[in-house]
Amino acid sequence: MSTVFIALQANEETRPIIEAITADNPHAVVHQQPAMVKIDAENRLTIRRSTIEDLIGRDFDLQELHINLISLTGNVDESDDELTLSWHA
């Protein structure tokens, strides 16, 4: 198995995003650091626009992730509704 991850700045804007990621990916492991949050997951991690919108109470464009994105690893599959990190076999 291979691990994918996303690392985001730790701030008020990313708190609901991180909450949404962990809600949609119960297998994910969150590593809190002073200035960033790194979320690891085996094989696959999916970020859903709808879950983020439910938590923030407004429309959310997944491109907004890039404002607070530090790094990621894995193959990226992105649509208007989801961003998925995975390793293709």
PDB file of N, CA and C in Angstrom:
ATOM      1  N   MET A   1       0.834  -1.183   0.000  1.00  0.00           N
ATOM      2  CA  MET A   1       0.000   0.000   0.000  1.00  0.00           C
ATOM      3  C   MET A   1       0.876   1.242   0.000  1.00  0.00           C
ATOM      4  N   SER A   2       0.391   2.285  -0.660  1.00  0.00           N
ATOM      5  CA  SER A   2       1.117   3.545  -0.732  1.00  0.00           C
ATOM      6  C   SER A   2       0.290   4.652  -0.096  1.00  0.00           C
ATOM      7  N   THR A   3       0.986   5.578   0.488  1.00  0.00           N
ATOM      8  CA  THR A   3       0.330   6.681   1.180  1.00  0.00           C
ATOM      9  C   THR A   3       0.290   7.923   0.300  1.00  0.00           C
ATOM     10  N   VAL A   4      -0.856   8.579   0.267  1.00  0.00           N
ATOM     11  CA  VAL A   4      -0.999   9.890  -0.350  1.00  0.00           C
ATOM     12  C   VAL A   4      -1.172  10.895   0.777  1.00  0.00           C
ATOM     13  N   PHE A   5      -0.902  12.168   0.493  1.00  0.00           N
ATOM     14  CA  PHE A   5      -1.143  13.183   1.515  1.00  0.00           C
ATOM     15  C   PHE A   5      -1.431  14.530   0.894  1.00  0.00           C
ATOM     16  N   ILE A   6      -2.038  15.372   1.713  1.00  0.00           N
ATOM     17  CA  ILE A   6      -2.205  16.781   1.396  1.00  0.00           C
ATOM     18  C   ILE A   6      -1.790  17.554   2.639  1.00  0.00           C
ATOM     19  N   ALA A   7      -1.071  18.647   2.435  1.00  0.00           N
ATOM     20  CA  ALA A   7      -0.652  19.511   3.534  1.00  0.00           C
ATOM     21  C   ALA A   7      -1.213  20.901   3.276  1.00  0.00           C
ATOM     22  N   LEU A   8      -1.894  21.429   4.276  1.00  0.00           N
ATOM     23  CA  LEU A   8      -2.521  22.745   4.184  1.00  0.00           C
ATOM     24  C   LEU A   8      -2.015  23.640   5.303  1.00  0.00           C
ATOM     25  N   GLN A   9      -2.030  24.953   5.060  1.00  0.00           N
ATOM     26  CA  GLN A   9      -1.709  25.887   6.122  1.00  0.00           C
ATOM     27  C   GLN A   9      -2.724  25.718   7.248  1.00  0.00           C
ATOM     28  N   ALA A  10      -2.279  25.888   8.455  1.00  0.00           N
ATOM     29  CA  ALA A  10      -3.175  25.804   9.610  1.00  0.00           C
ATOM     30  C   ALA A  10      -3.709  27.202   9.902  1.00  0.00           C
ATOM     31  N   ASN A  11      -4.970  27.442   9.517  1.00  0.00           N
ATOM     32  CA  ASN A  11      -5.587  28.739   9.771  1.00  0.00           C
ATOM     33  C   ASN A  11      -7.105  28.577   9.818  1.00  0.00           C
ATOM     34  N   GLU A  12      -7.803  29.687  10.027  1.00  0.00           N
ATOM     35  CA  GLU A  12      -9.269  29.641  10.143  1.00  0.00           C
ATOM     36  C   GLU A  12      -9.939  29.163   8.861  1.00  0.00           C
ATOM     37  N   GLU A  13      -9.384  29.493   7.706  1.00  0.00           N
ATOM     38  CA  GLU A  13      -9.973  29.092   6.432  1.00  0.00           C
ATOM     39  C   GLU A  13      -9.899  27.583   6.208  1.00  0.00           C
ATOM     40  N   THR A  14      -8.854  26.952   6.714  1.00  0.00           N
ATOM     41  CA  THR A  14      -8.674  25.526   6.441  1.00  0.00           C
ATOM     42  C   THR A  14      -9.352  24.617   7.472  1.00  0.00           C
ATOM     43  N   ARG A  15      -9.747  25.134   8.604  1.00  0.00           N
ATOM     44  CA  ARG A  15     -10.377  24.273   9.624  1.00  0.00           C
ATOM     45  C   ARG A  15     -11.580  23.501   9.090  1.00  0.00           C
ATOM     46  N   PRO A  16     -12.541  24.151   8.428  1.00  0.00           N
ATOM     47  CA  PRO A  16     -13.664  23.359   7.911  1.00  0.00           C
ATOM     48  C   PRO A  16     -13.259  22.444   6.753  1.00  0.00           C
ATOM     49  N   ILE A  17     -12.257  22.818   5.999  1.00  0.00           N
ATOM     50  CA  ILE A  17     -11.772  21.955   4.918  1.00  0.00           C
ATOM     51  C   ILE A  17     -11.189  20.682   5.495  1.00  0.00           C
ATOM     52  N   ILE A  18     -10.388  20.818   6.526  1.00  0.00           N
ATOM     53  CA  ILE A  18      -9.787  19.659   7.195  1.00  0.00           C
ATOM     54  C   ILE A  18     -10.869  18.791   7.828  1.00  0.00           C
ATOM     55  N   GLU A  19     -11.858  19.425   8.429  1.00  0.00           N
ATOM     56  CA  GLU A  19     -12.982  18.678   9.021  1.00  0.00           C
ATOM     57  C   GLU A  19     -13.731  17.896   7.940  1.00  0.00           C
ATOM     58  N   ALA A  20     -13.937  18.511   6.782  1.00  0.00           N
ATOM     59  CA  ALA A  20     -14.631  17.834   5.682  1.00  0.00           C
ATOM     60  C   ALA A  20     -13.811  16.660   5.152  1.00  0.00           C
ATOM     61  N   ILE A  21     -12.512  16.862   5.020  1.00  0.00           N
ATOM     62  CA  ILE A  21     -11.649  15.778   4.532  1.00  0.00           C
ATOM     63  C   ILE A  21     -11.700  14.588   5.477  1.00  0.00           C
ATOM     64  N   THR A  22     -11.615  14.836   6.767  1.00  0.00           N
ATOM     65  CA  THR A  22     -11.634  13.727   7.724  1.00  0.00           C
ATOM     66  C   THR A  22     -13.007  13.068   7.795  1.00  0.00           C
ATOM     67  N   ALA A  23     -14.073  13.831   7.577  1.00  0.00           N
ATOM     68  CA  ALA A  23     -15.414  13.243   7.568  1.00  0.00           C
ATOM     69  C   ALA A  23     -15.591  12.299   6.377  1.00  0.00           C
ATOM     70  N   ASP A  24     -15.059  12.699   5.226  1.00  0.00           N
ATOM     71  CA  ASP A  24     -15.199  11.892   4.009  1.00  0.00           C
ATOM     72  C   ASP A  24     -14.164  10.782   3.892  1.00  0.00           C
ATOM     73  N   ASN A  25     -13.126  10.827   4.712  1.00  0.00           N
ATOM     74  CA  ASN A  25     -12.037   9.847   4.649  1.00  0.00           C
ATOM     75  C   ASN A  25     -11.705   9.370   6.057  1.00  0.00           C
ATOM     76  N   PRO A  26     -12.556   8.533   6.650  1.00  0.00           N
ATOM     77  CA  PRO A  26     -12.324   8.107   8.037  1.00  0.00           C
ATOM     78  C   PRO A  26     -11.007   7.364   8.245  1.00  0.00           C
ATOM     79  N   HIS A  27     -10.414   6.847   7.184  1.00  0.00           N
ATOM     80  CA  HIS A  27      -9.134   6.146   7.285  1.00  0.00           C
ATOM     81  C   HIS A  27      -7.944   7.109   7.316  1.00  0.00           C
ATOM     82  N   ALA A  28      -8.185   8.387   7.080  1.00  0.00           N
ATOM     83  CA  ALA A  28      -7.102   9.376   7.026  1.00  0.00           C
ATOM     84  C   ALA A  28      -6.553   9.669   8.422  1.00  0.00           C
ATOM     85  N   VAL A  29      -5.262  10.022   8.462  1.00  0.00           N
ATOM     86  CA  VAL A  29      -4.583  10.363   9.712  1.00  0.00           C
ATOM     87  C   VAL A  29      -4.145  11.820   9.624  1.00  0.00           C
ATOM     88  N   VAL A  30      -4.562  12.614  10.608  1.00  0.00           N
ATOM     89  CA  VAL A  30      -4.264  14.040  10.623  1.00  0.00           C
ATOM     90  C   VAL A  30      -3.073  14.301  11.529  1.00  0.00           C
ATOM     91  N   HIS A  31      -2.102  15.035  11.003  1.00  0.00           N
ATOM     92  CA  HIS A  31      -0.910  15.429  11.768  1.00  0.00           C
ATOM     93  C   HIS A  31      -0.925  16.947  11.899  1.00  0.00           C
ATOM     94  N   GLN A  32      -1.219  17.421  13.113  1.00  0.00           N
ATOM     95  CA  GLN A  32      -1.245  18.858  13.386  1.00  0.00           C
ATOM     96  C   GLN A  32       0.161  19.336  13.705  1.00  0.00           C
ATOM     97  N   GLN A  33       0.591  20.388  13.044  1.00  0.00           N
ATOM     98  CA  GLN A  33       1.867  21.020  13.328  1.00  0.00           C
ATOM     99  C   GLN A  33       1.593  22.500  13.534  1.00  0.00           C
ATOM    100  N   PRO A  34       2.557  23.260  14.041  1.00  0.00           N
ATOM    101  CA  PRO A  34       2.271  24.666  14.350  1.00  0.00           C
ATOM    102  C   PRO A  34       1.737  25.488  13.169  1.00  0.00           C
ATOM    103  N   ALA A  35       2.264  25.304  11.984  1.00  0.00           N
ATOM    104  CA  ALA A  35       1.852  26.145  10.857  1.00  0.00           C
ATOM    105  C   ALA A  35       1.138  25.377   9.753  1.00  0.00           C
ATOM    106  N   MET A  36       1.037  24.055   9.893  1.00  0.00           N
ATOM    107  CA  MET A  36       0.389  23.286   8.843  1.00  0.00           C
ATOM    108  C   MET A  36      -0.291  22.048   9.407  1.00  0.00           C
ATOM    109  N   VAL A  37      -1.178  21.517   8.585  1.00  0.00           N
ATOM    110  CA  VAL A  37      -1.850  20.263   8.897  1.00  0.00           C
ATOM    111  C   VAL A  37      -1.605  19.341   7.714  1.00  0.00           C
ATOM    112  N   LYS A  38      -1.053  18.164   7.997  1.00  0.00           N
ATOM    113  CA  LYS A  38      -0.787  17.163   6.967  1.00  0.00           C
ATOM    114  C   LYS A  38      -1.752  16.010   7.186  1.00  0.00           C
ATOM    115  N   ILE A  39      -2.419  15.615   6.107  1.00  0.00           N
ATOM    116  CA  ILE A  39      -3.389  14.528   6.182  1.00  0.00           C
ATOM    117  C   ILE A  39      -2.904  13.397   5.293  1.00  0.00           C
ATOM    118  N   ASP A  40      -2.601  12.261   5.901  1.00  0.00           N
ATOM    119  CA  ASP A  40      -2.140  11.064   5.200  1.00  0.00           C
ATOM    120  C   ASP A  40      -3.293  10.076   5.056  1.00  0.00           C
ATOM    121  N   ALA A  41      -3.270   9.337   3.951  1.00  0.00           N
ATOM    122  CA  ALA A  41      -4.260   8.275   3.757  1.00  0.00           C
ATOM    123  C   ALA A  41      -3.644   7.178   2.899  1.00  0.00           C
ATOM    124  N   GLU A  42      -3.970   5.959   3.222  1.00  0.00           N
ATOM    125  CA  GLU A  42      -3.504   4.831   2.415  1.00  0.00           C
ATOM    126  C   GLU A  42      -4.249   4.806   1.095  1.00  0.00           C
ATOM    127  N   ASN A  43      -3.500   4.816   0.005  1.00  0.00           N
ATOM    128  CA  ASN A  43      -3.995   4.644  -1.368  1.00  0.00           C
ATOM    129  C   ASN A  43      -4.838   5.769  -1.944  1.00  0.00           C
ATOM    130  N   ARG A  44      -5.747   6.362  -1.175  1.00  0.00           N
ATOM    131  CA  ARG A  44      -6.706   7.296  -1.774  1.00  0.00           C
ATOM    132  C   ARG A  44      -7.198   8.304  -0.735  1.00  0.00           C
ATOM    133  N   LEU A  45      -7.374   9.549  -1.197  1.00  0.00           N
ATOM    134  CA  LEU A  45      -7.926  10.611  -0.360  1.00  0.00           C
ATOM    135  C   LEU A  45      -8.822  11.458  -1.263  1.00  0.00           C
ATOM    136  N   THR A  46     -10.083  11.643  -0.875  1.00  0.00           N
ATOM    137  CA  THR A  46     -11.016  12.405  -1.694  1.00  0.00           C
ATOM    138  C   THR A  46     -11.521  13.620  -0.926  1.00  0.00           C
ATOM    139  N   ILE A  47     -11.485  14.767  -1.585  1.00  0.00           N
ATOM    140  CA  ILE A  47     -11.983  16.024  -1.028  1.00  0.00           C
ATOM    141  C   ILE A  47     -13.247  16.375  -1.809  1.00  0.00           C
ATOM    142  N   ARG A  48     -14.371  16.485  -1.118  1.00  0.00           N
ATOM    143  CA  ARG A  48     -15.654  16.743  -1.769  1.00  0.00           C
ATOM    144  C   ARG A  48     -16.119  18.173  -1.516  1.00  0.00           C
ATOM    145  N   ARG A  49     -16.420  18.859  -2.588  1.00  0.00           N
ATOM    146  CA  ARG A  49     -16.914  20.236  -2.520  1.00  0.00           C
ATOM    147  C   ARG A  49     -18.170  20.322  -1.660  1.00  0.00           C
ATOM    148  N   SER A  50     -19.094  19.401  -1.840  1.00  0.00           N
ATOM    149  CA  SER A  50     -20.377  19.445  -1.125  1.00  0.00           C
ATOM    150  C   SER A  50     -20.198  19.359   0.392  1.00  0.00           C
ATOM    151  N   THR A  51     -19.266  18.555   0.843  1.00  0.00           N
ATOM    152  CA  THR A  51     -19.032  18.435   2.291  1.00  0.00           C
ATOM    153  C   THR A  51     -18.473  19.733   2.846  1.00  0.00           C
ATOM    154  N   ILE A  52     -17.551  20.339   2.122  1.00  0.00           N
ATOM    155  CA  ILE A  52     -16.997  21.634   2.557  1.00  0.00           C
ATOM    156  C   ILE A  52     -18.098  22.686   2.588  1.00  0.00           C
ATOM    157  N   GLU A  53     -18.930  22.731   1.552  1.00  0.00           N
ATOM    158  CA  GLU A  53     -20.023  23.711   1.498  1.00  0.00           C
ATOM    159  C   GLU A  53     -20.981  23.537   2.664  1.00  0.00           C
ATOM    160  N   ASP A  54     -21.277  22.289   3.032  1.00  0.00           N
ATOM    161  CA  ASP A  54     -22.157  22.040   4.177  1.00  0.00           C
ATOM    162  C   ASP A  54     -21.584  22.633   5.457  1.00  0.00           C
ATOM    163  N   LEU A  55     -20.277  22.560   5.605  1.00  0.00           N
ATOM    164  CA  LEU A  55     -19.639  23.042   6.833  1.00  0.00           C
ATOM    165  C   LEU A  55     -19.458  24.556   6.858  1.00  0.00           C
ATOM    166  N   ILE A  56     -19.198  25.166   5.705  1.00  0.00           N
ATOM    167  CA  ILE A  56     -18.946  26.616   5.693  1.00  0.00           C
ATOM    168  C   ILE A  56     -20.201  27.428   5.392  1.00  0.00           C
ATOM    169  N   GLY A  57     -21.243  26.773   4.882  1.00  0.00           N
ATOM    170  CA  GLY A  57     -22.500  27.462   4.640  1.00  0.00           C
ATOM    171  C   GLY A  57     -22.509  28.396   3.443  1.00  0.00           C
ATOM    172  N   ARG A  58     -21.659  28.123   2.465  1.00  0.00           N
ATOM    173  CA  ARG A  58     -21.619  28.930   1.243  1.00  0.00           C
ATOM    174  C   ARG A  58     -21.067  28.075   0.111  1.00  0.00           C
ATOM    175  N   ASP A  59     -21.186  28.588  -1.109  1.00  0.00           N
ATOM    176  CA  ASP A  59     -20.592  27.895  -2.250  1.00  0.00           C
ATOM    177  C   ASP A  59     -19.069  27.869  -2.091  1.00  0.00           C
ATOM    178  N   PHE A  60     -18.456  26.801  -2.556  1.00  0.00           N
ATOM    179  CA  PHE A  60     -17.007  26.653  -2.460  1.00  0.00           C
ATOM    180  C   PHE A  60     -16.490  26.111  -3.782  1.00  0.00           C
ATOM    181  N   ASP A  61     -15.501  26.770  -4.339  1.00  0.00           N
ATOM    182  CA  ASP A  61     -14.831  26.314  -5.551  1.00  0.00           C
ATOM    183  C   ASP A  61     -13.590  25.557  -5.099  1.00  0.00           C
ATOM    184  N   LEU A  62     -13.427  24.314  -5.524  1.00  0.00           N
ATOM    185  CA  LEU A  62     -12.267  23.521  -5.088  1.00  0.00           C
ATOM    186  C   LEU A  62     -10.937  24.196  -5.422  1.00  0.00           C
ATOM    187  N   GLN A  63     -10.924  25.106  -6.374  1.00  0.00           N
ATOM    188  CA  GLN A  63      -9.701  25.838  -6.684  1.00  0.00           C
ATOM    189  C   GLN A  63      -9.249  26.707  -5.504  1.00  0.00           C
ATOM    190  N   GLU A  64     -10.176  27.016  -4.592  1.00  0.00           N
ATOM    191  CA  GLU A  64      -9.829  27.786  -3.391  1.00  0.00           C
ATOM    192  C   GLU A  64      -8.840  27.034  -2.509  1.00  0.00           C
ATOM    193  N   LEU A  65      -8.759  25.722  -2.655  1.00  0.00           N
ATOM    194  CA  LEU A  65      -7.783  24.937  -1.885  1.00  0.00           C
ATOM    195  C   LEU A  65      -6.363  25.420  -2.132  1.00  0.00           C
ATOM    196  N   HIS A  66      -6.090  25.859  -3.349  1.00  0.00           N
ATOM    197  CA  HIS A  66      -4.732  26.235  -3.732  1.00  0.00           C
ATOM    198  C   HIS A  66      -4.204  27.433  -2.940  1.00  0.00           C
ATOM    199  N   ILE A  67      -5.097  28.250  -2.396  1.00  0.00           N
ATOM    200  CA  ILE A  67      -4.680  29.412  -1.609  1.00  0.00           C
ATOM    201  C   ILE A  67      -3.903  28.967  -0.377  1.00  0.00           C
ATOM    202  N   ASN A  68      -4.338  27.871   0.242  1.00  0.00           N
ATOM    203  CA  ASN A  68      -3.728  27.387   1.487  1.00  0.00           C
ATOM    204  C   ASN A  68      -2.977  26.078   1.333  1.00  0.00           C
ATOM    205  N   LEU A  69      -2.796  25.619   0.102  1.00  0.00           N
ATOM    206  CA  LEU A  69      -2.112  24.364  -0.161  1.00  0.00           C
ATOM    207  C   LEU A  69      -0.601  24.526  -0.022  1.00  0.00           C
ATOM    208  N   ILE A  70       0.011  23.642   0.729  1.00  0.00           N
ATOM    209  CA  ILE A  70       1.467  23.625   0.861  1.00  0.00           C
ATOM    210  C   ILE A  70       2.053  22.580  -0.069  1.00  0.00           C
ATOM    211  N   SER A  71       1.519  21.359   0.004  1.00  0.00           N
ATOM    212  CA  SER A  71       2.049  20.271  -0.805  1.00  0.00           C
ATOM    213  C   SER A  71       1.039  19.137  -0.866  1.00  0.00           C
ATOM    214  N   LEU A  72       1.248  18.250  -1.834  1.00  0.00           N
ATOM    215  CA  LEU A  72       0.455  17.037  -1.917  1.00  0.00           C
ATOM    216  C   LEU A  72       1.264  15.985  -2.644  1.00  0.00           C
ATOM    217  N   THR A  73       0.834  14.742  -2.491  1.00  0.00           N
ATOM    218  CA  THR A  73       1.476  13.657  -3.221  1.00  0.00           C
ATOM    219  C   THR A  73       0.415  12.674  -3.675  1.00  0.00           C
ATOM    220  N   GLY A  74       0.648  12.109  -4.834  1.00  0.00           N
ATOM    221  CA  GLY A  74      -0.285  11.176  -5.449  1.00  0.00           C
ATOM    222  C   GLY A  74      -0.722  11.706  -6.795  1.00  0.00           C
ATOM    223  N   ASN A  75      -1.379  10.863  -7.542  1.00  0.00           N
ATOM    224  CA  ASN A  75      -1.958  11.281  -8.814  1.00  0.00           C
ATOM    225  C   ASN A  75      -3.212  12.071  -8.512  1.00  0.00           C
ATOM    226  N   VAL A  76      -3.383  13.192  -9.182  1.00  0.00           N
ATOM    227  CA  VAL A  76      -4.517  14.074  -8.937  1.00  0.00           C
ATOM    228  C   VAL A  76      -5.587  13.844  -9.999  1.00  0.00           C
ATOM    229  N   ASP A  77      -6.809  13.596  -9.541  1.00  0.00           N
ATOM    230  CA  ASP A  77      -7.973  13.507 -10.414  1.00  0.00           C
ATOM    231  C   ASP A  77      -8.943  14.556  -9.892  1.00  0.00           C
ATOM    232  N   GLU A  78      -9.202  15.580 -10.701  1.00  0.00           N
ATOM    233  CA  GLU A  78      -9.965  16.724 -10.213  1.00  0.00           C
ATOM    234  C   GLU A  78     -11.140  17.035 -11.125  1.00  0.00           C
ATOM    235  N   SER A  79     -12.275  17.299 -10.500  1.00  0.00           N
ATOM    236  CA  SER A  79     -13.463  17.780 -11.206  1.00  0.00           C
ATOM    237  C   SER A  79     -13.972  18.991 -10.427  1.00  0.00           C
ATOM    238  N   ASP A  80     -15.109  19.533 -10.843  1.00  0.00           N
ATOM    239  CA  ASP A  80     -15.691  20.644 -10.094  1.00  0.00           C
ATOM    240  C   ASP A  80     -16.200  20.197  -8.732  1.00  0.00           C
ATOM    241  N   ASP A  81     -16.461  18.895  -8.578  1.00  0.00           N
ATOM    242  CA  ASP A  81     -17.068  18.379  -7.350  1.00  0.00           C
ATOM    243  C   ASP A  81     -16.120  17.661  -6.402  1.00  0.00           C
ATOM    244  N   GLU A  82     -15.030  17.102  -6.935  1.00  0.00           N
ATOM    245  CA  GLU A  82     -14.105  16.317  -6.104  1.00  0.00           C
ATOM    246  C   GLU A  82     -12.663  16.486  -6.562  1.00  0.00           C
ATOM    247  N   LEU A  83     -11.787  16.368  -5.600  1.00  0.00           N
ATOM    248  CA  LEU A  83     -10.356  16.253  -5.880  1.00  0.00           C
ATOM    249  C   LEU A  83      -9.907  14.964  -5.196  1.00  0.00           C
ATOM    250  N   THR A  84      -9.367  14.038  -5.967  1.00  0.00           N
ATOM    251  CA  THR A  84      -8.934  12.762  -5.422  1.00  0.00           C
ATOM    252  C   THR A  84      -7.448  12.578  -5.647  1.00  0.00           C
ATOM    253  N   LEU A  85      -6.747  12.196  -4.584  1.00  0.00           N
ATOM    254  CA  LEU A  85      -5.340  11.817  -4.657  1.00  0.00           C
ATOM    255  C   LEU A  85      -5.286  10.301  -4.551  1.00  0.00           C
ATOM    256  N   SER A  86      -4.538   9.664  -5.431  1.00  0.00           N
ATOM    257  CA  SER A  86      -4.424   8.213  -5.376  1.00  0.00           C
ATOM    258  C   SER A  86      -3.140   7.786  -6.059  1.00  0.00           C
ATOM    259  N   TRP A  87      -2.813   6.519  -5.898  1.00  0.00           N
ATOM    260  CA  TRP A  87      -1.708   5.914  -6.619  1.00  0.00           C
ATOM    261  C   TRP A  87      -2.306   4.874  -7.556  1.00  0.00           C
ATOM    262  N   HIS A  88      -2.101   5.061  -8.847  1.00  0.00           N
ATOM    263  CA  HIS A  88      -2.593   4.086  -9.833  1.00  0.00           C
ATOM    264  C   HIS A  88      -1.680   2.888  -9.876  1.00  0.00           C
ATOM    265  N   ALA A  89      -2.262   1.717  -9.967  1.00  0.00           N
ATOM    266  CA  ALA A  89      -1.472   0.485 -10.024  1.00  0.00           C
ATOM    267  C   ALA A  89      -0.875   0.294 -11.381  1.00  0.00           C
TER     268      ALA A  89
END
